[in-house]
C-alpha atoms as a PDB file:
ATOM      1  CA  MET A   1      12.867 -23.106   0.901  1.00  0.00           C
ATOM      2  CA  THR A   2      10.720 -20.278  -1.101  1.00  0.00           C
ATOM      3  CA  ASN A   3       7.417 -20.487  -2.052  1.00  0.00           C
ATOM      4  CA  ASN A   4       6.606 -18.764  -5.285  1.00  0.00           C
ATOM      5  CA  ASN A   5       3.354 -19.631  -5.981  1.00  0.00           C
ATOM      6  CA  ASN A   6       1.927 -16.234  -4.968  1.00  0.00           C
ATOM      7  CA  THR A   7       0.049 -17.120  -1.973  1.00  0.00           C
ATOM      8  CA  GLY A   8       2.346 -14.433  -0.064  1.00  0.00           C
ATOM      9  CA  ARG A   9       1.306 -11.582   1.794  1.00  0.00           C
ATOM     10  CA  ASN A  10       1.080  -9.893  -1.418  1.00  0.00           C
ATOM     11  CA  ARG A  11      -1.515 -11.379  -2.737  1.00  0.00           C
ATOM     12  CA  THR A  12      -4.656  -9.145  -3.803  1.00  0.00           C
ATOM     13  CA  LEU A  13      -7.917 -11.018  -2.900  1.00  0.00           C
ATOM     14  CA  ILE A  14      -9.592  -9.569  -5.150  1.00  0.00           C
ATOM     15  CA  PRO A  15      -7.432  -8.275  -8.337  1.00  0.00           C
ATOM     16  CA  GLU A  16      -9.869  -6.189  -9.647  1.00  0.00           C
ATOM     17  CA  ALA A  17      -9.317  -3.586  -6.494  1.00  0.00           C
ATOM     18  CA  ARG A  18      -5.440  -3.380  -7.433  1.00  0.00           C
ATOM     19  CA  GLN A  19      -5.833  -0.421  -9.445  1.00  0.00           C
ATOM     20  CA  GLY A  20      -7.847   1.321  -6.725  1.00  0.00           C
ATOM     21  CA  LEU A  21      -5.208   0.198  -4.049  1.00  0.00           C
ATOM     22  CA  ASN A  22      -1.912   1.386  -6.481  1.00  0.00           C
ATOM     23  CA  ARG A  23      -4.164   4.778  -6.467  1.00  0.00           C
ATOM     24  CA  PHE A  24      -4.907   5.152  -3.071  1.00  0.00           C
ATOM     25  CA  LYS A  25      -0.887   4.198  -2.502  1.00  0.00           C
ATOM     26  CA  ALA A  26      -0.050   6.940  -4.215  1.00  0.00           C
ATOM     27  CA  GLU A  27      -1.734   9.762  -3.103  1.00  0.00           C
ATOM     28  CA  VAL A  28      -0.982   8.508   0.353  1.00  0.00           C
ATOM     29  CA  ALA A  29       2.803   8.261  -0.732  1.00  0.00           C
ATOM     30  CA  SER A  30       1.891  12.157  -1.881  1.00  0.00           C
ATOM     31  CA  GLU A  31       0.365  12.727   1.413  1.00  0.00           C
ATOM     32  CA  LEU A  32       3.708  11.929   2.874  1.00  0.00           C
ATOM     33  CA  GLY A  33       5.992  13.777   0.707  1.00  0.00           C
ATOM     34  CA  MET A  34       6.784  10.928  -1.835  1.00  0.00           C
ATOM     35  CA  SER A  35       5.142  12.528  -4.692  1.00  0.00           C
ATOM     36  CA  ASN A  36       6.318  10.525  -7.626  1.00  0.00           C
ATOM     37  CA  TYR A  37       6.124   7.236  -5.811  1.00  0.00           C
ATOM     38  CA  GLU A  38       4.699   5.406  -8.482  1.00  0.00           C
ATOM     39  CA  GLU A  39       8.162   6.171 -10.797  1.00  0.00           C
ATOM     40  CA  MET A  40      10.353   5.463  -7.966  1.00  0.00           C
ATOM     41  CA  ASP A  41      12.397   2.207  -7.311  1.00  0.00           C
ATOM     42  CA  LYS A  42      10.745   0.659  -4.282  1.00  0.00           C
ATOM     43  CA  GLY A  43      13.800  -1.531  -4.222  1.00  0.00           C
ATOM     44  CA  ASN A  44      15.858   1.618  -3.706  1.00  0.00           C
ATOM     45  CA  LEU A  45      13.832   3.107  -1.191  1.00  0.00           C
ATOM     46  CA  PRO A  46      14.746   2.270   2.822  1.00  0.00           C
ATOM     47  CA  SER A  47      11.989  -0.059   3.981  1.00  0.00           C
ATOM     48  CA  ARG A  48      11.297   2.457   6.705  1.00  0.00           C
ATOM     49  CA  GLN A  49      10.134   4.488   3.858  1.00  0.00           C
ATOM     50  CA  ASN A  50       8.390   1.653   2.022  1.00  0.00           C
ATOM     51  CA  GLY A  51       6.527   0.607   5.389  1.00  0.00           C
ATOM     52  CA  TYR A  52       5.136   4.089   6.357  1.00  0.00           C
ATOM     53  CA  VAL A  53       3.426   4.224   2.762  1.00  0.00           C
ATOM     54  CA  GLY A  54       1.574   0.788   3.634  1.00  0.00           C
ATOM     55  CA  GLY A  55       0.986   1.269   7.386  1.00  0.00           C
ATOM     56  CA  THR A  56      -0.726   4.568   6.794  1.00  0.00           C
ATOM     57  CA  MET A  57      -2.579   2.971   4.028  1.00  0.00           C
ATOM     58  CA  VAL A  58      -3.641   0.430   7.121  1.00  0.00           C
ATOM     59  CA  LYS A  59      -4.146   3.123   9.326  1.00  0.00           C
ATOM     60  CA  LYS A  60      -6.496   5.218   6.710  1.00  0.00           C
ATOM     61  CA  MET A  61      -7.916   1.779   5.853  1.00  0.00           C
ATOM     62  CA  VAL A  62      -9.119   1.110   9.582  1.00  0.00           C
ATOM     63  CA  GLU A  63     -10.096   4.678  10.422  1.00  0.00           C
ATOM     64  CA  SER A  64     -12.635   4.244   7.534  1.00  0.00           C
ATOM     65  CA  TYR A  65     -14.028   1.444   8.304  1.00  0.00           C
ATOM     66  CA  GLU A  66     -14.450   2.519  11.977  1.00  0.00           C
ATOM     67  CA  GLN A  67     -16.621   5.612  10.865  1.00  0.00           C
ATOM     68  CA  GLY A  68     -18.655   3.313   8.511  1.00  0.00           C
ATOM     69  CA  LEU A  69     -19.616   1.956  12.376  1.00  0.00           C
ATOM     70  CA  LYS A  70     -20.864   4.326  13.576  1.00  0.00           C
END
């Protein structure tokens, strides 16, 4: 059974942050050599590439948080 009430993992907890997250995603993708990531059809990309962008974003966010703890 599919649940389409926007309670999944892709829900932005703070809607005002969506624009910043999209900029961050484009920045990370560009660093990984995907300069036109915003215009790409993500459905045609291998999950490995999409996952690499998301994984790198999380890695950078964790590193940033850890730096703030010092």
